[in-house]
N, C-alpha and C. Protein backbone atom coordinates (compact mmCIF):
# COMPACT_ATOMS: atom_id res chain seq x y z
N UNK A 1 0.71 -1.32 0.10
CA UNK A 1 0.05 0.03 0.05
C UNK A 1 0.79 1.22 -0.03
N UNK A 2 2.09 1.11 0.44
CA UNK A 2 3.02 2.19 0.41
C UNK A 2 3.03 2.99 -1.04
N UNK A 3 2.95 2.18 -2.05
CA UNK A 3 3.25 2.77 -3.49
C UNK A 3 1.98 3.52 -3.81
N UNK A 4 0.83 3.23 -3.21
CA UNK A 4 -0.41 3.98 -3.61
C UNK A 4 -0.49 5.26 -3.08
N UNK A 5 -1.20 6.31 -3.77
CA UNK A 5 -1.21 7.47 -3.44
C UNK A 5 -2.20 7.68 -2.44
N UNK A 6 -2.35 8.65 -1.65
CA UNK A 6 -3.37 8.96 -0.62
C UNK A 6 -4.68 8.76 -1.30
N UNK A 7 -5.25 9.34 -2.43
CA UNK A 7 -6.44 9.05 -3.03
C UNK A 7 -6.54 7.69 -3.42
N UNK A 8 -5.59 6.91 -3.82
CA UNK A 8 -5.86 5.49 -4.09
C UNK A 8 -6.09 4.56 -2.93
N UNK A 9 -5.51 4.88 -1.98
CA UNK A 9 -5.82 4.27 -0.55
C UNK A 9 -7.20 4.68 -0.03
N UNK A 10 -7.48 5.91 -0.05
CA UNK A 10 -8.95 6.23 0.30
C UNK A 10 -9.99 5.50 -0.43
N UNK A 11 -9.67 5.40 -1.85
CA UNK A 11 -10.72 4.87 -2.74
C UNK A 11 -10.89 3.44 -2.34
N UNK A 12 -9.79 2.58 -2.18
CA UNK A 12 -9.81 1.17 -1.61
C UNK A 12 -10.44 1.13 -0.20
N UNK A 13 -10.19 2.00 0.71
CA UNK A 13 -11.00 2.12 1.99
C UNK A 13 -12.50 2.31 1.70
N UNK A 14 -12.88 2.94 0.81
CA UNK A 14 -14.20 3.43 0.82
C UNK A 14 -14.99 2.23 -0.04
N UNK A 15 -14.28 1.25 -0.55
CA UNK A 15 -14.78 0.11 -1.20
C UNK A 15 -15.08 -1.16 -0.28
N UNK A 16 -14.47 -1.04 0.87
CA UNK A 16 -14.31 -2.16 1.74
C UNK A 16 -15.63 -2.19 2.69
N UNK A 17 -16.14 -3.32 2.45
CA UNK A 17 -17.47 -3.68 3.39
C UNK A 17 -17.34 -4.62 4.72
N UNK A 18 -17.83 -3.94 5.76
CA UNK A 18 -17.86 -4.87 6.95
C UNK A 18 -18.74 -5.87 7.03
N UNK A 19 -18.34 -7.07 7.43
CA UNK A 19 -19.31 -8.10 7.53
C UNK A 19 -18.79 -8.83 8.83
N UNK A 20 -19.92 -9.39 9.50
CA UNK A 20 -19.65 -10.24 10.66
C UNK A 20 -20.42 -11.45 10.61
N UNK A 21 -19.55 -12.52 11.15
CA UNK A 21 -19.94 -13.82 10.85
C UNK A 21 -20.12 -14.59 12.34
N UNK A 22 -20.94 -15.42 12.63
CA UNK A 22 -20.84 -16.10 13.97
C UNK A 22 -19.68 -17.32 13.79
N UNK A 23 -19.47 -17.81 15.05
CA UNK A 23 -18.69 -18.96 15.19
C UNK A 23 -19.00 -19.96 14.26
N UNK A 24 -18.15 -20.70 13.76
CA UNK A 24 -18.33 -21.90 12.96
C UNK A 24 -19.06 -21.68 11.40
N UNK A 25 -18.94 -20.33 11.05
CA UNK A 25 -19.84 -20.15 9.83
C UNK A 25 -18.47 -20.17 8.60
N UNK A 26 -19.03 -20.87 7.68
CA UNK A 26 -18.17 -21.01 6.36
C UNK A 26 -18.06 -19.73 5.49
N UNK A 27 -17.11 -19.16 5.39
CA UNK A 27 -17.06 -17.90 4.68
C UNK A 27 -16.83 -18.19 3.07
N UNK A 28 -15.90 -18.93 2.90
CA UNK A 28 -15.52 -19.53 1.51
C UNK A 28 -15.41 -20.97 1.52
N UNK A 29 -15.67 -21.62 0.54
CA UNK A 29 -15.65 -23.06 0.33
C UNK A 29 -14.59 -23.43 -0.84
N UNK A 30 -13.65 -24.15 -0.58
CA UNK A 30 -12.90 -24.87 -1.52
C UNK A 30 -13.61 -25.27 -2.66
N UNK A 31 -12.99 -25.13 -4.00
CA UNK A 31 -13.35 -25.57 -5.35
C UNK A 31 -14.47 -24.63 -5.90
N UNK A 32 -15.01 -23.63 -5.12
CA UNK A 32 -15.85 -22.67 -5.68
C UNK A 32 -15.25 -21.19 -6.15
N UNK A 33 -15.96 -20.71 -7.11
CA UNK A 33 -15.30 -19.38 -7.63
C UNK A 33 -15.28 -18.38 -6.54
N UNK A 34 -14.27 -17.69 -6.79
CA UNK A 34 -14.06 -16.57 -5.83
C UNK A 34 -14.42 -15.18 -6.40
N UNK A 35 -15.15 -14.27 -5.57
CA UNK A 35 -15.32 -13.03 -6.06
C UNK A 35 -15.14 -11.96 -4.90
N UNK A 36 -14.76 -12.39 -3.87
CA UNK A 36 -14.17 -11.51 -2.69
C UNK A 36 -13.02 -11.76 -2.04
N UNK A 37 -12.44 -10.70 -1.45
CA UNK A 37 -11.19 -10.80 -0.81
C UNK A 37 -11.56 -10.25 0.51
N UNK A 38 -10.95 -10.93 1.53
CA UNK A 38 -11.18 -10.73 2.93
C UNK A 38 -10.03 -10.21 3.79
N UNK A 39 -10.17 -9.39 4.80
CA UNK A 39 -9.13 -8.83 5.81
C UNK A 39 -9.82 -9.08 7.12
N UNK A 40 -9.21 -9.85 7.98
CA UNK A 40 -9.92 -10.05 9.22
C UNK A 40 -9.55 -8.84 10.29
N UNK A 41 -10.79 -8.29 10.61
CA UNK A 41 -10.42 -7.24 11.54
C UNK A 41 -10.72 -7.44 13.05
N UNK A 42 -11.48 -8.52 13.40
CA UNK A 42 -11.64 -9.10 14.72
C UNK A 42 -11.92 -10.62 14.66
N UNK A 43 -11.48 -11.42 15.43
CA UNK A 43 -11.79 -12.80 15.40
C UNK A 43 -10.62 -13.69 14.79
N UNK A 44 -10.98 -14.93 14.49
CA UNK A 44 -9.99 -15.74 13.74
C UNK A 44 -10.77 -16.87 12.89
N UNK A 45 -9.95 -17.43 11.93
CA UNK A 45 -10.59 -18.41 11.00
C UNK A 45 -9.68 -19.59 11.03
N UNK A 46 -10.21 -20.80 10.48
CA UNK A 46 -9.58 -21.98 10.27
C UNK A 46 -9.46 -22.34 8.72
N UNK A 47 -8.52 -22.32 7.96
CA UNK A 47 -8.47 -22.79 6.69
C UNK A 47 -8.16 -24.26 6.64
N UNK A 48 -9.05 -25.19 5.77
CA UNK A 48 -8.90 -26.54 5.56
C UNK A 48 -9.03 -26.76 4.18
N UNK A 49 -8.13 -27.70 3.98
CA UNK A 49 -8.20 -28.33 2.35
C UNK A 49 -8.41 -29.66 2.25
N UNK A 50 -8.85 -30.19 1.10
CA UNK A 50 -9.11 -31.60 0.87
C UNK A 50 -8.51 -31.74 -0.50
N UNK A 51 -7.88 -32.92 -0.65
CA UNK A 51 -7.16 -33.20 -1.94
C UNK A 51 -8.07 -33.35 -3.21
N UNK A 52 -9.32 -33.76 -2.77
CA UNK A 52 -10.50 -33.94 -3.70
C UNK A 52 -11.70 -33.46 -3.16
N UNK A 53 -12.57 -33.20 -3.83
CA UNK A 53 -14.07 -32.77 -3.18
C UNK A 53 -14.81 -33.99 -2.38
N UNK A 54 -14.50 -35.29 -2.60
CA UNK A 54 -15.14 -36.26 -2.01
C UNK A 54 -14.08 -36.65 -0.76
N UNK A 55 -12.96 -36.21 -0.64
CA UNK A 55 -11.94 -36.70 0.59
C UNK A 55 -12.27 -35.54 1.74
N UNK A 56 -11.69 -35.93 3.04
CA UNK A 56 -11.97 -35.19 4.16
C UNK A 56 -11.21 -34.18 4.06
N UNK A 57 -11.42 -32.96 4.66
CA UNK A 57 -10.70 -31.78 4.85
C UNK A 57 -9.60 -31.89 5.98
N UNK A 58 -8.45 -31.26 5.84
CA UNK A 58 -7.58 -31.25 6.95
C UNK A 58 -7.12 -29.74 7.19
N UNK A 59 -6.96 -29.43 8.46
CA UNK A 59 -6.67 -28.10 8.68
C UNK A 59 -5.28 -27.80 8.20
N UNK A 60 -5.16 -26.62 7.68
CA UNK A 60 -3.73 -26.37 7.13
C UNK A 60 -3.24 -24.90 7.56
N UNK A 61 -4.09 -24.18 8.20
CA UNK A 61 -3.65 -22.76 8.72
C UNK A 61 -4.74 -22.14 9.55
N UNK A 62 -4.39 -21.33 10.46
CA UNK A 62 -5.39 -20.52 11.20
C UNK A 62 -4.84 -18.93 10.97
N UNK A 63 -5.71 -18.19 10.88
CA UNK A 63 -5.66 -16.78 10.56
C UNK A 63 -6.29 -15.97 11.63
N UNK A 64 -5.73 -14.65 11.95
CA UNK A 64 -6.17 -13.98 12.97
C UNK A 64 -6.21 -12.41 12.64
N UNK A 65 -6.81 -11.46 13.47
CA UNK A 65 -6.79 -10.23 12.87
C UNK A 65 -5.54 -9.73 12.20
N UNK A 66 -5.73 -8.89 11.18
CA UNK A 66 -4.65 -8.40 10.53
C UNK A 66 -4.24 -9.10 9.30
N UNK A 67 -4.77 -10.45 9.25
CA UNK A 67 -4.27 -11.36 8.13
C UNK A 67 -5.62 -11.35 7.06
N UNK A 68 -5.33 -11.96 6.02
CA UNK A 68 -6.30 -11.97 4.90
C UNK A 68 -6.40 -13.18 4.31
N UNK A 69 -7.53 -13.34 3.38
CA UNK A 69 -7.56 -14.64 2.78
C UNK A 69 -8.42 -14.43 1.43
N UNK A 70 -8.63 -15.16 0.40
CA UNK A 70 -9.46 -15.00 -0.75
C UNK A 70 -8.99 -14.33 -1.73
N UNK A 71 -7.55 -13.90 -1.89
CA UNK A 71 -6.86 -13.39 -2.87
C UNK A 71 -6.74 -13.93 -3.90
N UNK A 72 -6.23 -15.40 -3.82
CA UNK A 72 -5.76 -16.20 -4.86
C UNK A 72 -6.78 -16.37 -5.94
N UNK A 73 -7.83 -16.51 -5.58
CA UNK A 73 -9.01 -16.84 -6.52
C UNK A 73 -9.16 -15.57 -7.52
N UNK A 74 -9.16 -14.30 -6.87
CA UNK A 74 -9.15 -13.12 -7.43
C UNK A 74 -8.08 -12.96 -8.43
N UNK A 75 -6.85 -13.13 -8.03
CA UNK A 75 -5.72 -13.04 -8.88
C UNK A 75 -5.54 -14.00 -10.09
N UNK A 76 -5.91 -15.28 -9.83
CA UNK A 76 -5.66 -16.28 -10.87
C UNK A 76 -7.00 -16.69 -11.69
N UNK A 77 -8.23 -16.30 -11.09
CA UNK A 77 -9.41 -16.69 -11.74
C UNK A 77 -9.57 -18.07 -11.40
N UNK A 78 -8.82 -18.91 -10.73
CA UNK A 78 -9.10 -20.34 -10.40
C UNK A 78 -10.06 -20.44 -9.23
N UNK A 79 -10.51 -21.73 -9.01
CA UNK A 79 -11.35 -21.96 -7.73
C UNK A 79 -10.69 -21.63 -6.35
N UNK A 80 -11.30 -21.46 -5.53
CA UNK A 80 -10.89 -21.51 -4.08
C UNK A 80 -9.94 -22.63 -3.88
N UNK A 81 -8.91 -22.27 -3.27
CA UNK A 81 -8.04 -23.20 -2.90
C UNK A 81 -8.28 -24.05 -1.52
N UNK A 82 -9.12 -23.20 -0.56
CA UNK A 82 -9.16 -23.84 0.78
C UNK A 82 -10.71 -23.44 0.99
N UNK A 83 -11.18 -24.04 2.26
CA UNK A 83 -12.48 -23.59 2.79
C UNK A 83 -11.95 -22.76 4.12
N UNK A 84 -12.71 -21.79 4.23
CA UNK A 84 -12.26 -20.86 5.27
C UNK A 84 -13.42 -20.76 6.30
N UNK A 85 -13.43 -21.20 7.65
CA UNK A 85 -14.44 -21.09 8.47
C UNK A 85 -14.05 -20.33 9.77
N UNK A 86 -14.82 -19.70 10.38
CA UNK A 86 -14.67 -18.78 11.50
C UNK A 86 -14.57 -19.89 12.62
N UNK A 87 -13.58 -19.44 13.56
CA UNK A 87 -13.39 -20.39 14.78
C UNK A 87 -13.81 -19.62 15.93
N UNK A 88 -14.46 -18.11 15.80
CA UNK A 88 -15.19 -17.70 16.88
C UNK A 88 -16.01 -16.52 16.03
N UNK A 89 -16.70 -15.70 16.82
CA UNK A 89 -17.50 -14.67 16.16
C UNK A 89 -16.20 -13.63 15.44
N UNK A 90 -16.56 -13.31 14.08
CA UNK A 90 -15.24 -12.78 13.33
C UNK A 90 -16.05 -11.68 12.56
N UNK A 91 -15.29 -10.61 12.50
CA UNK A 91 -15.64 -9.43 11.65
C UNK A 91 -14.42 -9.29 10.71
N UNK A 92 -14.91 -9.09 9.34
CA UNK A 92 -13.90 -9.01 8.34
C UNK A 92 -14.17 -7.86 7.34
N UNK A 93 -13.37 -7.32 6.80
CA UNK A 93 -13.71 -6.33 5.60
C UNK A 93 -13.32 -6.99 4.47
N UNK A 94 -14.42 -6.73 3.57
CA UNK A 94 -14.53 -7.51 2.34
C UNK A 94 -14.28 -6.65 1.15
N UNK A 95 -13.75 -7.03 0.00
CA UNK A 95 -13.54 -6.06 -1.23
C UNK A 95 -13.82 -7.09 -2.41
């Protein structure tokens, strides 16, 4: 963000939407198309992956406030690489 002008940073900030999810809520699902990027403002999430849609998922990462997810599908136009579920009530900023 340092390379962006103040106007560009404000434009991005104006585009962010606050969303709140309860605990154990699936925000994104592996293999689905992605149309949003998320920044965790409060709370935490668990990221899980399965090698195939019919196989069980395994926890691969936990993310907390200040971290982000969902960018890969937007950058590559490929399906989501993981399922992301809230570990507790969580507030995110989405774009």
